[in-house]
Amino acid sequence: MKDYKRMQTLIKKYEAARTASDEAEAAWEQEPESAELEAAFDQAYSEEFEACAVLVKEIVNFTEGQVDATTARRLITTRLDDIKKLIETV
């Protein structure tokens, strides 16, 4: 049986990490000389990357390998809203 709730949770974690990374990047761009803001962005980006990697693995497992890791990553970056709609309708 597919774990739709887990997929929804991982999507939400990824979206939160992506938002935090975008905000940290914007703050650092305002003060590019700030080592503190650069470190905050590096940490936030690392967390976004990790959340994405976990979501990629879950999509591959969820589809029983019918979607490979490269395609899953592309879907996350280009079609995340569509994935969310599909998961919510089942």
PDB file of N, CA and C in Angstrom:
ATOM      1  N   MET A   1       0.836  -1.188   0.000  1.00  0.00           N
ATOM      2  CA  MET A   1       0.000   0.000   0.000  1.00  0.00           C
ATOM      3  C   MET A   1       0.879   1.250   0.000  1.00  0.00           C
ATOM      4  N   LYS A   2       0.509   2.229  -0.777  1.00  0.00           N
ATOM      5  CA  LYS A   2       1.272   3.464  -0.898  1.00  0.00           C
ATOM      6  C   LYS A   2       1.052   4.334   0.343  1.00  0.00           C
ATOM      7  N   ASP A   3       2.099   5.006   0.757  1.00  0.00           N
ATOM      8  CA  ASP A   3       2.022   5.876   1.930  1.00  0.00           C
ATOM      9  C   ASP A   3       1.887   7.324   1.457  1.00  0.00           C
ATOM     10  N   TYR A   4       0.653   7.720   1.160  1.00  0.00           N
ATOM     11  CA  TYR A   4       0.385   9.052   0.631  1.00  0.00           C
ATOM     12  C   TYR A   4       0.667  10.138   1.663  1.00  0.00           C
ATOM     13  N   LYS A   5       0.390   9.841   2.920  1.00  0.00           N
ATOM     14  CA  LYS A   5       0.634  10.826   3.992  1.00  0.00           C
ATOM     15  C   LYS A   5       2.119  11.131   4.103  1.00  0.00           C
ATOM     16  N   ARG A   6       2.947  10.092   4.004  1.00  0.00           N
ATOM     17  CA  ARG A   6       4.403  10.302   4.066  1.00  0.00           C
ATOM     18  C   ARG A   6       4.852  11.187   2.911  1.00  0.00           C
ATOM     19  N   MET A   7       4.325  10.916   1.727  1.00  0.00           N
ATOM     20  CA  MET A   7       4.690  11.717   0.564  1.00  0.00           C
ATOM     21  C   MET A   7       4.288  13.176   0.780  1.00  0.00           C
ATOM     22  N   GLN A   8       3.093  13.409   1.298  1.00  0.00           N
ATOM     23  CA  GLN A   8       2.645  14.780   1.569  1.00  0.00           C
ATOM     24  C   GLN A   8       3.554  15.453   2.589  1.00  0.00           C
ATOM     25  N   THR A   9       3.940  14.716   3.622  1.00  0.00           N
ATOM     26  CA  THR A   9       4.826  15.264   4.651  1.00  0.00           C
ATOM     27  C   THR A   9       6.181  15.637   4.067  1.00  0.00           C
ATOM     28  N   LEU A  10       6.730  14.768   3.233  1.00  0.00           N
ATOM     29  CA  LEU A  10       8.034  15.049   2.623  1.00  0.00           C
ATOM     30  C   LEU A  10       7.962  16.235   1.668  1.00  0.00           C
ATOM     31  N   ILE A  11       6.869  16.366   0.959  1.00  0.00           N
ATOM     32  CA  ILE A  11       6.694  17.516   0.069  1.00  0.00           C
ATOM     33  C   ILE A  11       6.655  18.804   0.891  1.00  0.00           C
ATOM     34  N   LYS A  12       5.918  18.783   1.983  1.00  0.00           N
ATOM     35  CA  LYS A  12       5.841  19.971   2.848  1.00  0.00           C
ATOM     36  C   LYS A  12       7.203  20.316   3.435  1.00  0.00           C
ATOM     37  N   LYS A  13       7.960  19.303   3.850  1.00  0.00           N
ATOM     38  CA  LYS A  13       9.308  19.551   4.386  1.00  0.00           C
ATOM     39  C   LYS A  13      10.212  20.158   3.314  1.00  0.00           C
ATOM     40  N   TYR A  14      10.120  19.633   2.106  1.00  0.00           N
ATOM     41  CA  TYR A  14      10.926  20.177   1.012  1.00  0.00           C
ATOM     42  C   TYR A  14      10.539  21.628   0.730  1.00  0.00           C
ATOM     43  N   GLU A  15       9.257  21.901   0.663  1.00  0.00           N
ATOM     44  CA  GLU A  15       8.805  23.266   0.378  1.00  0.00           C
ATOM     45  C   GLU A  15       9.261  24.235   1.471  1.00  0.00           C
ATOM     46  N   ALA A  16       9.182  23.816   2.716  1.00  0.00           N
ATOM     47  CA  ALA A  16       9.635  24.672   3.825  1.00  0.00           C
ATOM     48  C   ALA A  16      11.136  24.917   3.733  1.00  0.00           C
ATOM     49  N   ALA A  17      11.891  23.885   3.405  1.00  0.00           N
ATOM     50  CA  ALA A  17      13.341  24.029   3.271  1.00  0.00           C
ATOM     51  C   ALA A  17      13.688  24.939   2.091  1.00  0.00           C
ATOM     52  N   ARG A  18      12.954  24.790   0.996  1.00  0.00           N
ATOM     53  CA  ARG A  18      13.195  25.638  -0.177  1.00  0.00           C
ATOM     54  C   ARG A  18      12.896  27.100   0.133  1.00  0.00           C
ATOM     55  N   THR A  19      11.804  27.346   0.840  1.00  0.00           N
ATOM     56  CA  THR A  19      11.446  28.711   1.229  1.00  0.00           C
ATOM     57  C   THR A  19      12.513  29.308   2.137  1.00  0.00           C
ATOM     58  N   ALA A  20      12.965  28.539   3.120  1.00  0.00           N
ATOM     59  CA  ALA A  20      14.008  29.017   4.031  1.00  0.00           C
ATOM     60  C   ALA A  20      15.295  29.318   3.274  1.00  0.00           C
ATOM     61  N   SER A  21      15.627  28.475   2.316  1.00  0.00           N
ATOM     62  CA  SER A  21      16.826  28.687   1.511  1.00  0.00           C
ATOM     63  C   SER A  21      16.703  29.951   0.661  1.00  0.00           C
ATOM     64  N   ASP A  22      15.546  30.146   0.054  1.00  0.00           N
ATOM     65  CA  ASP A  22      15.313  31.348  -0.761  1.00  0.00           C
ATOM     66  C   ASP A  22      15.409  32.610   0.092  1.00  0.00           C
ATOM     67  N   GLU A  23      14.837  32.554   1.290  1.00  0.00           N
ATOM     68  CA  GLU A  23      14.890  33.718   2.181  1.00  0.00           C
ATOM     69  C   GLU A  23      16.314  33.998   2.647  1.00  0.00           C
ATOM     70  N   ALA A  24      17.052  32.948   2.966  1.00  0.00           N
ATOM     71  CA  ALA A  24      18.441  33.122   3.395  1.00  0.00           C
ATOM     72  C   ALA A  24      19.293  33.678   2.255  1.00  0.00           C
ATOM     73  N   GLU A  25      19.037  33.216   1.053  1.00  0.00           N
ATOM     74  CA  GLU A  25      19.774  33.720  -0.103  1.00  0.00           C
ATOM     75  C   GLU A  25      19.475  35.197  -0.340  1.00  0.00           C
ATOM     76  N   ALA A  26      18.211  35.570  -0.236  1.00  0.00           N
ATOM     77  CA  ALA A  26      17.821  36.968  -0.440  1.00  0.00           C
ATOM     78  C   ALA A  26      18.477  37.863   0.608  1.00  0.00           C
ATOM     79  N   ALA A  27      18.524  37.399   1.850  1.00  0.00           N
ATOM     80  CA  ALA A  27      19.153  38.185   2.910  1.00  0.00           C
ATOM     81  C   ALA A  27      20.646  38.338   2.637  1.00  0.00           C
ATOM     82  N   TRP A  28      21.285  37.270   2.208  1.00  0.00           N
ATOM     83  CA  TRP A  28      22.723  37.327   1.926  1.00  0.00           C
ATOM     84  C   TRP A  28      23.008  38.242   0.733  1.00  0.00           C
ATOM     85  N   GLU A  29      22.126  38.221  -0.266  1.00  0.00           N
ATOM     86  CA  GLU A  29      22.314  39.101  -1.423  1.00  0.00           C
ATOM     87  C   GLU A  29      22.235  40.573  -1.032  1.00  0.00           C
ATOM     88  N   GLN A  30      21.477  40.867   0.013  1.00  0.00           N
ATOM     89  CA  GLN A  30      21.396  42.251   0.494  1.00  0.00           C
ATOM     90  C   GLN A  30      22.680  42.687   1.181  1.00  0.00           C
ATOM     91  N   GLU A  31      23.363  41.729   1.804  1.00  0.00           N
ATOM     92  CA  GLU A  31      24.625  42.005   2.499  1.00  0.00           C
ATOM     93  C   GLU A  31      25.648  40.931   2.132  1.00  0.00           C
ATOM     94  N   PRO A  32      26.177  40.966   0.904  1.00  0.00           N
ATOM     95  CA  PRO A  32      27.061  39.894   0.438  1.00  0.00           C
ATOM     96  C   PRO A  32      28.389  39.772   1.201  1.00  0.00           C
ATOM     97  N   GLU A  33      28.747  40.797   1.954  1.00  0.00           N
ATOM     98  CA  GLU A  33      29.997  40.739   2.725  1.00  0.00           C
ATOM     99  C   GLU A  33      29.806  40.052   4.079  1.00  0.00           C
ATOM    100  N   SER A  34      28.582  39.741   4.440  1.00  0.00           N
ATOM    101  CA  SER A  34      28.285  39.160   5.746  1.00  0.00           C
ATOM    102  C   SER A  34      28.587  37.660   5.765  1.00  0.00           C
ATOM    103  N   ALA A  35      29.586  37.292   6.533  1.00  0.00           N
ATOM    104  CA  ALA A  35      29.934  35.879   6.676  1.00  0.00           C
ATOM    105  C   ALA A  35      28.818  35.119   7.391  1.00  0.00           C
ATOM    106  N   GLU A  36      28.144  35.779   8.312  1.00  0.00           N
ATOM    107  CA  GLU A  36      27.046  35.156   9.052  1.00  0.00           C
ATOM    108  C   GLU A  36      25.889  34.811   8.120  1.00  0.00           C
ATOM    109  N   LEU A  37      25.530  35.751   7.247  1.00  0.00           N
ATOM    110  CA  LEU A  37      24.438  35.489   6.305  1.00  0.00           C
ATOM    111  C   LEU A  37      24.833  34.438   5.277  1.00  0.00           C
ATOM    112  N   GLU A  38      26.087  34.448   4.890  1.00  0.00           N
ATOM    113  CA  GLU A  38      26.563  33.428   3.953  1.00  0.00           C
ATOM    114  C   GLU A  38      26.477  32.039   4.588  1.00  0.00           C
ATOM    115  N   ALA A  39      26.879  31.942   5.837  1.00  0.00           N
ATOM    116  CA  ALA A  39      26.810  30.662   6.551  1.00  0.00           C
ATOM    117  C   ALA A  39      25.356  30.212   6.719  1.00  0.00           C
ATOM    118  N   ALA A  40      24.478  31.161   6.996  1.00  0.00           N
ATOM    119  CA  ALA A  40      23.057  30.828   7.140  1.00  0.00           C
ATOM    120  C   ALA A  40      22.499  30.305   5.815  1.00  0.00           C
ATOM    121  N   PHE A  41      22.887  30.941   4.714  1.00  0.00           N
ATOM    122  CA  PHE A  41      22.434  30.476   3.407  1.00  0.00           C
ATOM    123  C   PHE A  41      22.996  29.093   3.112  1.00  0.00           C
ATOM    124  N   ASP A  42      24.281  28.879   3.394  1.00  0.00           N
ATOM    125  CA  ASP A  42      24.891  27.568   3.152  1.00  0.00           C
ATOM    126  C   ASP A  42      24.143  26.474   3.911  1.00  0.00           C
ATOM    127  N   GLN A  43      23.805  26.748   5.164  1.00  0.00           N
ATOM    128  CA  GLN A  43      23.073  25.777   5.982  1.00  0.00           C
ATOM    129  C   GLN A  43      21.675  25.531   5.416  1.00  0.00           C
ATOM    130  N   ALA A  44      20.987  26.599   5.061  1.00  0.00           N
ATOM    131  CA  ALA A  44      19.633  26.466   4.529  1.00  0.00           C
ATOM    132  C   ALA A  44      19.644  25.717   3.196  1.00  0.00           C
ATOM    133  N   TYR A  45      20.622  26.012   2.357  1.00  0.00           N
ATOM    134  CA  TYR A  45      20.711  25.327   1.065  1.00  0.00           C
ATOM    135  C   TYR A  45      21.009  23.846   1.274  1.00  0.00           C
ATOM    136  N   SER A  46      21.868  23.542   2.233  1.00  0.00           N
ATOM    137  CA  SER A  46      22.183  22.150   2.539  1.00  0.00           C
ATOM    138  C   SER A  46      20.929  21.396   2.986  1.00  0.00           C
ATOM    139  N   GLU A  47      20.109  22.045   3.800  1.00  0.00           N
ATOM    140  CA  GLU A  47      18.871  21.429   4.260  1.00  0.00           C
ATOM    141  C   GLU A  47      17.877  21.247   3.111  1.00  0.00           C
ATOM    142  N   GLU A  48      17.836  22.209   2.197  1.00  0.00           N
ATOM    143  CA  GLU A  48      16.974  22.078   1.022  1.00  0.00           C
ATOM    144  C   GLU A  48      17.433  20.905   0.158  1.00  0.00           C
ATOM    145  N   PHE A  49      18.731  20.813  -0.059  1.00  0.00           N
ATOM    146  CA  PHE A  49      19.286  19.739  -0.881  1.00  0.00           C
ATOM    147  C   PHE A  49      18.969  18.377  -0.264  1.00  0.00           C
ATOM    148  N   GLU A  50      19.125  18.268   1.052  1.00  0.00           N
ATOM    149  CA  GLU A  50      18.845  17.006   1.737  1.00  0.00           C
ATOM    150  C   GLU A  50      17.357  16.655   1.650  1.00  0.00           C
ATOM    151  N   ALA A  51      16.485  17.639   1.851  1.00  0.00           N
ATOM    152  CA  ALA A  51      15.039  17.396   1.756  1.00  0.00           C
ATOM    153  C   ALA A  51      14.665  16.948   0.344  1.00  0.00           C
ATOM    154  N   CYS A  52      15.303  17.530  -0.645  1.00  0.00           N
ATOM    155  CA  CYS A  52      15.051  17.144  -2.032  1.00  0.00           C
ATOM    156  C   CYS A  52      15.522  15.710  -2.282  1.00  0.00           C
ATOM    157  N   ALA A  53      16.687  15.357  -1.763  1.00  0.00           N
ATOM    158  CA  ALA A  53      17.222  14.006  -1.949  1.00  0.00           C
ATOM    159  C   ALA A  53      16.302  12.958  -1.330  1.00  0.00           C
ATOM    160  N   VAL A  54      15.771  13.258  -0.153  1.00  0.00           N
ATOM    161  CA  VAL A  54      14.838  12.334   0.502  1.00  0.00           C
ATOM    162  C   VAL A  54      13.564  12.199  -0.333  1.00  0.00           C
ATOM    163  N   LEU A  55      13.070  13.308  -0.842  1.00  0.00           N
ATOM    164  CA  LEU A  55      11.863  13.288  -1.662  1.00  0.00           C
ATOM    165  C   LEU A  55      12.100  12.530  -2.971  1.00  0.00           C
ATOM    166  N   VAL A  56      13.259  12.700  -3.563  1.00  0.00           N
ATOM    167  CA  VAL A  56      13.601  11.957  -4.786  1.00  0.00           C
ATOM    168  C   VAL A  56      13.526  10.455  -4.504  1.00  0.00           C
ATOM    169  N   LYS A  57      14.166  10.016  -3.431  1.00  0.00           N
ATOM    170  CA  LYS A  57      14.144   8.587  -3.087  1.00  0.00           C
ATOM    171  C   LYS A  57      12.725   8.093  -2.858  1.00  0.00           C
ATOM    172  N   GLU A  58      11.911   8.909  -2.200  1.00  0.00           N
ATOM    173  CA  GLU A  58      10.533   8.509  -1.931  1.00  0.00           C
ATOM    174  C   GLU A  58       9.736   8.389  -3.226  1.00  0.00           C
ATOM    175  N   ILE A  59       9.937   9.292  -4.167  1.00  0.00           N
ATOM    176  CA  ILE A  59       9.228   9.210  -5.451  1.00  0.00           C
ATOM    177  C   ILE A  59       9.644   7.958  -6.209  1.00  0.00           C
ATOM    178  N   VAL A  60      10.938   7.656  -6.220  1.00  0.00           N
ATOM    179  CA  VAL A  60      11.418   6.444  -6.890  1.00  0.00           C
ATOM    180  C   VAL A  60      10.789   5.210  -6.247  1.00  0.00           C
ATOM    181  N   ASN A  61      10.792   5.160  -4.910  1.00  0.00           N
ATOM    182  CA  ASN A  61      10.184   4.021  -4.210  1.00  0.00           C
ATOM    183  C   ASN A  61       8.676   3.976  -4.419  1.00  0.00           C
ATOM    184  N   PHE A  62       8.048   5.133  -4.350  1.00  0.00           N
ATOM    185  CA  PHE A  62       6.598   5.242  -4.498  1.00  0.00           C
ATOM    186  C   PHE A  62       6.138   4.708  -5.847  1.00  0.00           C
ATOM    187  N   THR A  63       6.920   4.973  -6.882  1.00  0.00           N
ATOM    188  CA  THR A  63       6.567   4.539  -8.238  1.00  0.00           C
ATOM    189  C   THR A  63       7.175   3.184  -8.575  1.00  0.00           C
ATOM    190  N   GLU A  64       7.775   2.556  -7.568  1.00  0.00           N
ATOM    191  CA  GLU A  64       8.403   1.246  -7.740  1.00  0.00           C
ATOM    192  C   GLU A  64       9.416   1.254  -8.879  1.00  0.00           C
ATOM    193  N   GLY A  65      10.163   2.359  -8.976  1.00  0.00           N
ATOM    194  CA  GLY A  65      11.226   2.473  -9.959  1.00  0.00           C
ATOM    195  C   GLY A  65      10.786   2.917 -11.336  1.00  0.00           C
ATOM    196  N   GLN A  66       9.493   3.116 -11.541  1.00  0.00           N
ATOM    197  CA  GLN A  66       9.037   3.555 -12.857  1.00  0.00           C
ATOM    198  C   GLN A  66       9.491   4.978 -13.159  1.00  0.00           C
ATOM    199  N   VAL A  67       9.747   5.749 -12.100  1.00  0.00           N
ATOM    200  CA  VAL A  67      10.341   7.080 -12.235  1.00  0.00           C
ATOM    201  C   VAL A  67      11.727   6.993 -11.623  1.00  0.00           C
ATOM    202  N   ASP A  68      12.751   7.265 -12.427  1.00  0.00           N
ATOM    203  CA  ASP A  68      14.115   7.190 -11.901  1.00  0.00           C
ATOM    204  C   ASP A  68      14.476   8.473 -11.150  1.00  0.00           C
ATOM    205  N   ALA A  69      15.641   8.467 -10.516  1.00  0.00           N
ATOM    206  CA  ALA A  69      16.050   9.591  -9.667  1.00  0.00           C
ATOM    207  C   ALA A  69      16.191  10.887 -10.462  1.00  0.00           C
ATOM    208  N   THR A  70      16.733  10.820 -11.655  1.00  0.00           N
ATOM    209  CA  THR A  70      16.905  12.021 -12.467  1.00  0.00           C
ATOM    210  C   THR A  70      15.554  12.632 -12.825  1.00  0.00           C
ATOM    211  N   THR A  71      14.630  11.800 -13.229  1.00  0.00           N
ATOM    212  CA  THR A  71      13.292  12.278 -13.575  1.00  0.00           C
ATOM    213  C   THR A  71      12.575  12.807 -12.342  1.00  0.00           C
ATOM    214  N   ALA A  72      12.725  12.120 -11.220  1.00  0.00           N
ATOM    215  CA  ALA A  72      12.087  12.566  -9.972  1.00  0.00           C
ATOM    216  C   ALA A  72      12.590  13.957  -9.585  1.00  0.00           C
ATOM    217  N   ARG A  73      13.889  14.178  -9.693  1.00  0.00           N
ATOM    218  CA  ARG A  73      14.449  15.494  -9.354  1.00  0.00           C
ATOM    219  C   ARG A  73      13.900  16.564 -10.297  1.00  0.00           C
ATOM    220  N   ARG A  74      13.801  16.237 -11.569  1.00  0.00           N
ATOM    221  CA  ARG A  74      13.263  17.187 -12.541  1.00  0.00           C
ATOM    222  C   ARG A  74      11.790  17.488 -12.237  1.00  0.00           C
ATOM    223  N   LEU A  75      11.033  16.461 -11.880  1.00  0.00           N
ATOM    224  CA  LEU A  75       9.628  16.668 -11.530  1.00  0.00           C
ATOM    225  C   LEU A  75       9.483  17.560 -10.298  1.00  0.00           C
ATOM    226  N   ILE A  76      10.340  17.374  -9.332  1.00  0.00           N
ATOM    227  CA  ILE A  76      10.291  18.189  -8.118  1.00  0.00           C
ATOM    228  C   ILE A  76      10.544  19.653  -8.453  1.00  0.00           C
ATOM    229  N   THR A  77      11.499  19.902  -9.312  1.00  0.00           N
ATOM    230  CA  THR A  77      11.853  21.294  -9.611  1.00  0.00           C
ATOM    231  C   THR A  77      10.926  21.951 -10.620  1.00  0.00           C
ATOM    232  N   THR A  78      10.221  21.149 -11.419  1.00  0.00           N
ATOM    233  CA  THR A  78       9.386  21.761 -12.459  1.00  0.00           C
ATOM    234  C   THR A  78       7.894  21.484 -12.317  1.00  0.00           C
ATOM    235  N   ARG A  79       7.524  20.423 -11.627  1.00  0.00           N
ATOM    236  CA  ARG A  79       6.109  20.016 -11.596  1.00  0.00           C
ATOM    237  C   ARG A  79       5.626  19.676 -10.189  1.00  0.00           C
ATOM    238  N   LEU A  80       6.183  20.291  -9.175  1.00  0.00           N
ATOM    239  CA  LEU A  80       5.830  19.940  -7.807  1.00  0.00           C
ATOM    240  C   LEU A  80       4.339  20.150  -7.532  1.00  0.00           C
ATOM    241  N   ASP A  81       3.767  21.215  -8.052  1.00  0.00           N
ATOM    242  CA  ASP A  81       2.338  21.459  -7.840  1.00  0.00           C
ATOM    243  C   ASP A  81       1.496  20.317  -8.420  1.00  0.00           C
ATOM    244  N   ASP A  82       1.890  19.798  -9.563  1.00  0.00           N
ATOM    245  CA  ASP A  82       1.162  18.679 -10.157  1.00  0.00           C
ATOM    246  C   ASP A  82       1.283  17.423  -9.304  1.00  0.00           C
ATOM    247  N   ILE A  83       2.458  17.192  -8.759  1.00  0.00           N
ATOM    248  CA  ILE A  83       2.653  16.027  -7.871  1.00  0.00           C
ATOM    249  C   ILE A  83       1.750  16.164  -6.653  1.00  0.00           C
ATOM    250  N   LYS A  84       1.718  17.359  -6.081  1.00  0.00           N
ATOM    251  CA  LYS A  84       0.874  17.602  -4.904  1.00  0.00           C
ATOM    252  C   LYS A  84      -0.596  17.333  -5.224  1.00  0.00           C
ATOM    253  N   LYS A  85      -1.058  17.781  -6.367  1.00  0.00           N
ATOM    254  CA  LYS A  85      -2.458  17.548  -6.760  1.00  0.00           C
ATOM    255  C   LYS A  85      -2.757  16.064  -6.914  1.00  0.00           C
ATOM    256  N   LEU A  86      -1.844  15.342  -7.527  1.00  0.00           N
ATOM    257  CA  LEU A  86      -2.034  13.897  -7.695  1.00  0.00           C
ATOM    258  C   LEU A  86      -2.126  13.183  -6.350  1.00  0.00           C
ATOM    259  N   ILE A  87      -1.237  13.542  -5.441  1.00  0.00           N
ATOM    260  CA  ILE A  87      -1.219  12.895  -4.121  1.00  0.00           C
ATOM    261  C   ILE A  87      -2.473  13.243  -3.339  1.00  0.00           C
ATOM    262  N   GLU A  88      -2.955  14.482  -3.455  1.00  0.00           N
ATOM    263  CA  GLU A  88      -4.135  14.917  -2.705  1.00  0.00           C
ATOM    264  C   GLU A  88      -5.423  14.279  -3.208  1.00  0.00           C
ATOM    265  N   THR A  89      -5.471  13.857  -4.465  1.00  0.00           N
ATOM    266  CA  THR A  89      -6.714  13.331  -5.031  1.00  0.00           C
ATOM    267  C   THR A  89      -6.939  11.857  -4.717  1.00  0.00           C
ATOM    268  N   VAL A  90      -5.935  11.176  -4.229  1.00  0.00           N
ATOM    269  CA  VAL A  90      -6.109   9.743  -3.930  1.00  0.00           C
ATOM    270  C   VAL A  90      -6.433   9.513  -2.480  1.00  0.00           C
TER     271      VAL A  90
END
